Amino acid sequence: MKEELQQKIRQYFSAMSIYKDPKATNSIFAGRNLPSFVKDYLLKRYLNISTGEIDTLGLNAFLDKVIPANGGTVKDDILAGKEVTLLTRFSIYTKVSQVKIHKRDLT
């Protein structure tokens, strides 16, 4: 009965439904403090619609990029003037006298 219901949901509501198997998805987000709506969005983004499988390698690569474990690399990228996108709260301490400011032409 449960499998039949899941198939019907996938068939009729595939664009709006996200199947979250706790066994398969909880380990992906372990240690990452993300709101549930962000998790849902990411699962939907990395879901193979035809197979119903999640691209865990792609999702982990994305999460490692936007929620890095090592703050040193983020600091180095910022000091080098690179654009950095983060999905988490991050504190970086530096000496203001050593920071070079890169001005962008906004016109």
N, C-alpha and C. Protein backbone atom coordinates (compact mmCIF):
# COMPACT_ATOMS: atom_id res chain seq x y z
N MET A 1 0.82 -1.19 0.00
CA MET A 1 0.00 0.00 0.00
C MET A 1 0.87 1.27 0.00
N LYS A 2 1.91 1.27 0.84
CA LYS A 2 2.77 2.45 0.94
C LYS A 2 3.49 2.70 -0.39
N GLU A 3 4.01 1.66 -1.00
CA GLU A 3 4.72 1.80 -2.28
C GLU A 3 3.77 2.26 -3.38
N GLU A 4 2.54 1.76 -3.36
CA GLU A 4 1.54 2.17 -4.35
C GLU A 4 1.23 3.67 -4.22
N LEU A 5 1.10 4.13 -2.99
CA LEU A 5 0.84 5.55 -2.75
C LEU A 5 2.02 6.41 -3.22
N GLN A 6 3.22 5.96 -2.94
CA GLN A 6 4.41 6.70 -3.39
C GLN A 6 4.46 6.79 -4.91
N GLN A 7 4.11 5.73 -5.59
CA GLN A 7 4.10 5.74 -7.06
C GLN A 7 3.05 6.72 -7.59
N LYS A 8 1.88 6.74 -6.97
CA LYS A 8 0.84 7.67 -7.41
C LYS A 8 1.26 9.12 -7.19
N ILE A 9 1.89 9.39 -6.06
CA ILE A 9 2.36 10.76 -5.79
C ILE A 9 3.40 11.16 -6.83
N ARG A 10 4.34 10.26 -7.11
CA ARG A 10 5.36 10.56 -8.12
C ARG A 10 4.74 10.75 -9.50
N GLN A 11 3.71 9.98 -9.81
CA GLN A 11 3.09 10.05 -11.13
C GLN A 11 2.31 11.34 -11.31
N TYR A 12 1.49 11.71 -10.34
CA TYR A 12 0.57 12.83 -10.50
C TYR A 12 1.10 14.17 -9.96
N PHE A 13 2.03 14.11 -9.02
CA PHE A 13 2.52 15.34 -8.40
C PHE A 13 4.04 15.46 -8.46
N SER A 14 4.66 14.94 -9.49
CA SER A 14 6.12 14.89 -9.55
C SER A 14 6.76 16.28 -9.49
N ALA A 15 6.12 17.27 -10.07
CA ALA A 15 6.71 18.62 -10.07
C ALA A 15 6.65 19.27 -8.69
N MET A 16 5.75 18.80 -7.83
CA MET A 16 5.56 19.45 -6.53
C MET A 16 6.02 18.59 -5.35
N SER A 17 6.33 17.33 -5.57
CA SER A 17 6.64 16.45 -4.46
C SER A 17 8.13 16.16 -4.36
N ILE A 18 8.57 15.95 -3.13
CA ILE A 18 9.95 15.58 -2.86
C ILE A 18 9.90 14.37 -1.94
N TYR A 19 10.48 13.26 -2.40
CA TYR A 19 10.51 12.07 -1.56
C TYR A 19 11.80 12.10 -0.75
N LYS A 20 11.64 12.23 0.57
CA LYS A 20 12.81 12.31 1.44
C LYS A 20 12.93 11.01 2.22
N ASP A 21 13.82 10.17 1.78
CA ASP A 21 14.10 8.93 2.49
C ASP A 21 15.13 9.25 3.57
N PRO A 22 14.76 9.17 4.84
CA PRO A 22 15.69 9.54 5.90
C PRO A 22 16.99 8.74 5.87
N LYS A 23 16.91 7.49 5.46
CA LYS A 23 18.12 6.66 5.40
C LYS A 23 19.10 7.20 4.36
N ALA A 24 18.57 7.71 3.27
CA ALA A 24 19.43 8.17 2.17
C ALA A 24 19.83 9.64 2.29
N THR A 25 18.99 10.46 2.92
CA THR A 25 19.26 11.90 2.90
C THR A 25 19.81 12.48 4.20
N ASN A 26 19.57 11.84 5.32
CA ASN A 26 20.03 12.42 6.59
C ASN A 26 21.55 12.52 6.66
N SER A 27 22.25 11.53 6.12
CA SER A 27 23.70 11.57 6.19
C SER A 27 24.28 12.68 5.32
N ILE A 28 23.58 13.07 4.27
CA ILE A 28 24.05 14.14 3.39
C ILE A 28 24.12 15.46 4.15
N PHE A 29 23.13 15.72 4.98
CA PHE A 29 23.03 17.00 5.67
C PHE A 29 23.57 16.96 7.10
N ALA A 30 24.18 15.86 7.50
CA ALA A 30 24.71 15.73 8.86
C ALA A 30 25.77 16.79 9.10
N GLY A 31 25.64 17.51 10.21
CA GLY A 31 26.60 18.54 10.56
C GLY A 31 26.40 19.85 9.84
N ARG A 32 25.38 19.94 9.01
CA ARG A 32 25.11 21.18 8.27
C ARG A 32 23.78 21.73 8.77
N ASN A 33 23.81 22.86 9.38
CA ASN A 33 22.62 23.44 9.99
C ASN A 33 21.85 24.24 8.94
N LEU A 34 21.01 23.54 8.18
CA LEU A 34 20.23 24.17 7.13
C LEU A 34 18.74 24.08 7.45
N PRO A 35 17.98 25.10 7.14
CA PRO A 35 16.53 25.02 7.32
C PRO A 35 15.94 23.96 6.39
N SER A 36 14.80 23.41 6.78
CA SER A 36 14.20 22.33 6.00
C SER A 36 13.85 22.76 4.58
N PHE A 37 13.43 24.02 4.38
CA PHE A 37 13.07 24.43 3.02
C PHE A 37 14.30 24.48 2.11
N VAL A 38 15.47 24.77 2.67
CA VAL A 38 16.70 24.76 1.87
C VAL A 38 17.06 23.32 1.52
N LYS A 39 16.90 22.41 2.48
CA LYS A 39 17.16 20.99 2.21
C LYS A 39 16.22 20.49 1.12
N ASP A 40 14.94 20.85 1.20
CA ASP A 40 13.98 20.43 0.18
C ASP A 40 14.37 20.95 -1.19
N TYR A 41 14.76 22.21 -1.25
CA TYR A 41 15.17 22.81 -2.53
C TYR A 41 16.38 22.07 -3.11
N LEU A 42 17.36 21.79 -2.27
CA LEU A 42 18.57 21.11 -2.74
C LEU A 42 18.27 19.68 -3.19
N LEU A 43 17.42 18.99 -2.43
CA LEU A 43 17.06 17.63 -2.83
C LEU A 43 16.35 17.64 -4.18
N LYS A 44 15.45 18.58 -4.37
CA LYS A 44 14.73 18.68 -5.65
C LYS A 44 15.69 19.02 -6.79
N ARG A 45 16.65 19.87 -6.50
CA ARG A 45 17.61 20.29 -7.53
C ARG A 45 18.52 19.14 -7.97
N TYR A 46 18.87 18.25 -7.05
CA TYR A 46 19.78 17.15 -7.36
C TYR A 46 19.07 15.81 -7.50
N LEU A 47 17.78 15.84 -7.76
CA LEU A 47 17.00 14.62 -7.94
C LEU A 47 16.91 14.25 -9.41
N ASN A 48 17.18 12.99 -9.70
CA ASN A 48 16.99 12.47 -11.06
C ASN A 48 15.53 12.05 -11.15
N ILE A 49 14.75 12.77 -11.91
CA ILE A 49 13.30 12.55 -11.96
C ILE A 49 12.96 11.17 -12.50
N SER A 50 13.69 10.70 -13.48
CA SER A 50 13.36 9.41 -14.09
C SER A 50 13.62 8.23 -13.16
N THR A 51 14.67 8.30 -12.34
CA THR A 51 14.99 7.18 -11.45
C THR A 51 14.55 7.41 -10.01
N GLY A 52 14.33 8.68 -9.64
CA GLY A 52 13.97 8.98 -8.26
C GLY A 52 15.17 8.98 -7.33
N GLU A 53 16.37 8.86 -7.88
CA GLU A 53 17.59 8.82 -7.07
C GLU A 53 18.18 10.23 -6.94
N ILE A 54 18.83 10.47 -5.84
CA ILE A 54 19.48 11.75 -5.59
C ILE A 54 20.95 11.64 -5.98
N ASP A 55 21.44 12.65 -6.69
CA ASP A 55 22.85 12.71 -7.07
C ASP A 55 23.64 13.15 -5.83
N THR A 56 23.98 12.18 -4.98
CA THR A 56 24.64 12.51 -3.72
C THR A 56 26.04 13.09 -3.93
N LEU A 57 26.74 12.62 -4.95
CA LEU A 57 28.08 13.17 -5.20
C LEU A 57 28.00 14.64 -5.60
N GLY A 58 27.08 14.97 -6.49
CA GLY A 58 26.91 16.36 -6.91
C GLY A 58 26.44 17.24 -5.77
N LEU A 59 25.50 16.73 -4.98
CA LEU A 59 24.98 17.49 -3.85
C LEU A 59 26.06 17.73 -2.80
N ASN A 60 26.83 16.69 -2.50
CA ASN A 60 27.92 16.85 -1.53
C ASN A 60 28.98 17.84 -2.02
N ALA A 61 29.29 17.79 -3.31
CA ALA A 61 30.27 18.73 -3.88
C ALA A 61 29.76 20.16 -3.74
N PHE A 62 28.48 20.37 -4.03
CA PHE A 62 27.88 21.71 -3.90
C PHE A 62 27.91 22.17 -2.44
N LEU A 63 27.51 21.29 -1.52
CA LEU A 63 27.48 21.66 -0.11
C LEU A 63 28.88 21.96 0.42
N ASP A 64 29.87 21.18 -0.02
CA ASP A 64 31.25 21.44 0.42
C ASP A 64 31.75 22.78 -0.09
N LYS A 65 31.23 23.20 -1.24
CA LYS A 65 31.64 24.49 -1.80
C LYS A 65 31.01 25.66 -1.06
N VAL A 66 29.73 25.57 -0.73
CA VAL A 66 29.02 26.70 -0.12
C VAL A 66 28.96 26.63 1.41
N ILE A 67 29.31 25.48 1.98
CA ILE A 67 29.41 25.35 3.44
C ILE A 67 30.75 24.69 3.73
N PRO A 68 31.84 25.41 3.54
CA PRO A 68 33.17 24.80 3.70
C PRO A 68 33.48 24.51 5.16
N ALA A 69 34.24 23.44 5.36
CA ALA A 69 34.64 23.07 6.71
C ALA A 69 35.87 23.86 7.16
N ASN A 70 36.67 24.30 6.20
CA ASN A 70 37.91 24.99 6.51
C ASN A 70 37.76 26.49 6.24
N GLY A 71 37.76 27.28 7.29
CA GLY A 71 37.62 28.73 7.13
C GLY A 71 38.83 29.39 6.51
N GLY A 72 39.98 28.74 6.57
CA GLY A 72 41.19 29.33 6.00
C GLY A 72 41.09 29.52 4.50
N THR A 73 40.49 28.58 3.81
CA THR A 73 40.37 28.72 2.36
C THR A 73 39.41 29.84 1.99
N VAL A 74 38.37 30.01 2.78
CA VAL A 74 37.42 31.10 2.53
C VAL A 74 38.12 32.44 2.73
N LYS A 75 38.87 32.55 3.80
CA LYS A 75 39.61 33.79 4.07
C LYS A 75 40.60 34.08 2.94
N ASP A 76 41.32 33.07 2.49
CA ASP A 76 42.28 33.26 1.41
C ASP A 76 41.59 33.73 0.13
N ASP A 77 40.45 33.13 -0.17
CA ASP A 77 39.71 33.52 -1.38
C ASP A 77 39.22 34.97 -1.28
N ILE A 78 38.74 35.36 -0.12
CA ILE A 78 38.25 36.73 0.07
C ILE A 78 39.41 37.73 -0.05
N LEU A 79 40.53 37.41 0.58
CA LEU A 79 41.68 38.31 0.51
C LEU A 79 42.25 38.40 -0.90
N ALA A 80 42.06 37.36 -1.70
CA ALA A 80 42.54 37.37 -3.08
C ALA A 80 41.56 38.09 -4.01
N GLY A 81 40.43 38.54 -3.46
CA GLY A 81 39.46 39.27 -4.26
C GLY A 81 38.51 38.38 -5.03
N LYS A 82 38.48 37.09 -4.70
CA LYS A 82 37.57 36.17 -5.40
C LYS A 82 36.16 36.31 -4.84
N GLU A 83 35.19 36.00 -5.67
CA GLU A 83 33.80 36.01 -5.23
C GLU A 83 33.53 34.71 -4.50
N VAL A 84 32.92 34.81 -3.32
CA VAL A 84 32.66 33.65 -2.48
C VAL A 84 31.17 33.62 -2.15
N THR A 85 30.53 32.47 -2.37
CA THR A 85 29.13 32.27 -2.01
C THR A 85 29.07 31.28 -0.86
N LEU A 86 28.42 31.67 0.22
CA LEU A 86 28.30 30.81 1.39
C LEU A 86 26.84 30.69 1.79
N LEU A 87 26.46 29.51 2.27
CA LEU A 87 25.09 29.29 2.76
C LEU A 87 25.09 29.06 4.27
N THR A 88 26.02 29.64 4.95
CA THR A 88 26.11 29.42 6.37
C THR A 88 26.70 30.65 7.04
N ARG A 89 26.53 30.74 8.33
CA ARG A 89 27.14 31.83 9.08
C ARG A 89 28.63 31.55 9.18
N PHE A 90 29.42 32.56 8.94
CA PHE A 90 30.87 32.37 8.90
C PHE A 90 31.54 33.58 9.51
N SER A 91 32.47 33.38 10.41
CA SER A 91 33.24 34.48 11.00
C SER A 91 34.69 34.35 10.57
N ILE A 92 35.21 35.44 10.04
CA ILE A 92 36.61 35.46 9.62
C ILE A 92 37.24 36.70 10.25
N TYR A 93 38.34 36.51 10.93
CA TYR A 93 39.03 37.62 11.57
C TYR A 93 40.32 37.90 10.82
N THR A 94 40.56 39.16 10.57
CA THR A 94 41.77 39.56 9.86
C THR A 94 42.21 40.93 10.36
N LYS A 95 43.43 41.29 10.08
CA LYS A 95 43.92 42.61 10.43
C LYS A 95 43.54 43.57 9.32
N VAL A 96 42.77 44.59 9.65
CA VAL A 96 42.26 45.52 8.66
C VAL A 96 43.41 46.21 7.92
N SER A 97 44.51 46.45 8.59
CA SER A 97 45.63 47.15 7.96
C SER A 97 46.26 46.33 6.83
N GLN A 98 46.04 45.02 6.81
CA GLN A 98 46.63 44.16 5.79
C GLN A 98 45.69 43.86 4.64
N VAL A 99 44.47 44.31 4.73
CA VAL A 99 43.47 43.99 3.71
C VAL A 99 43.56 44.98 2.56
N LYS A 100 43.61 44.45 1.35
CA LYS A 100 43.57 45.29 0.16
C LYS A 100 42.13 45.34 -0.32
N ILE A 101 41.64 46.54 -0.55
CA ILE A 101 40.26 46.69 -0.99
C ILE A 101 40.23 46.73 -2.51
N HIS A 102 39.40 45.89 -3.08
CA HIS A 102 39.23 45.84 -4.53
C HIS A 102 37.96 46.60 -4.88
N LYS A 103 38.10 47.71 -5.58
CA LYS A 103 36.94 48.49 -5.97
C LYS A 103 36.44 48.01 -7.31
N ARG A 104 35.13 47.89 -7.43
CA ARG A 104 34.52 47.49 -8.70
C ARG A 104 33.86 48.70 -9.33
N ASP A 105 33.94 48.77 -10.63
CA ASP A 105 33.28 49.84 -11.37
C ASP A 105 31.81 49.49 -11.47
N LEU A 106 30.95 50.23 -10.81
CA LEU A 106 29.53 49.93 -10.77
C LEU A 106 28.72 50.70 -11.80
N THR A 107 29.39 51.37 -12.72
CA THR A 107 28.66 52.14 -13.73
C THR A 107 28.39 51.30 -14.95
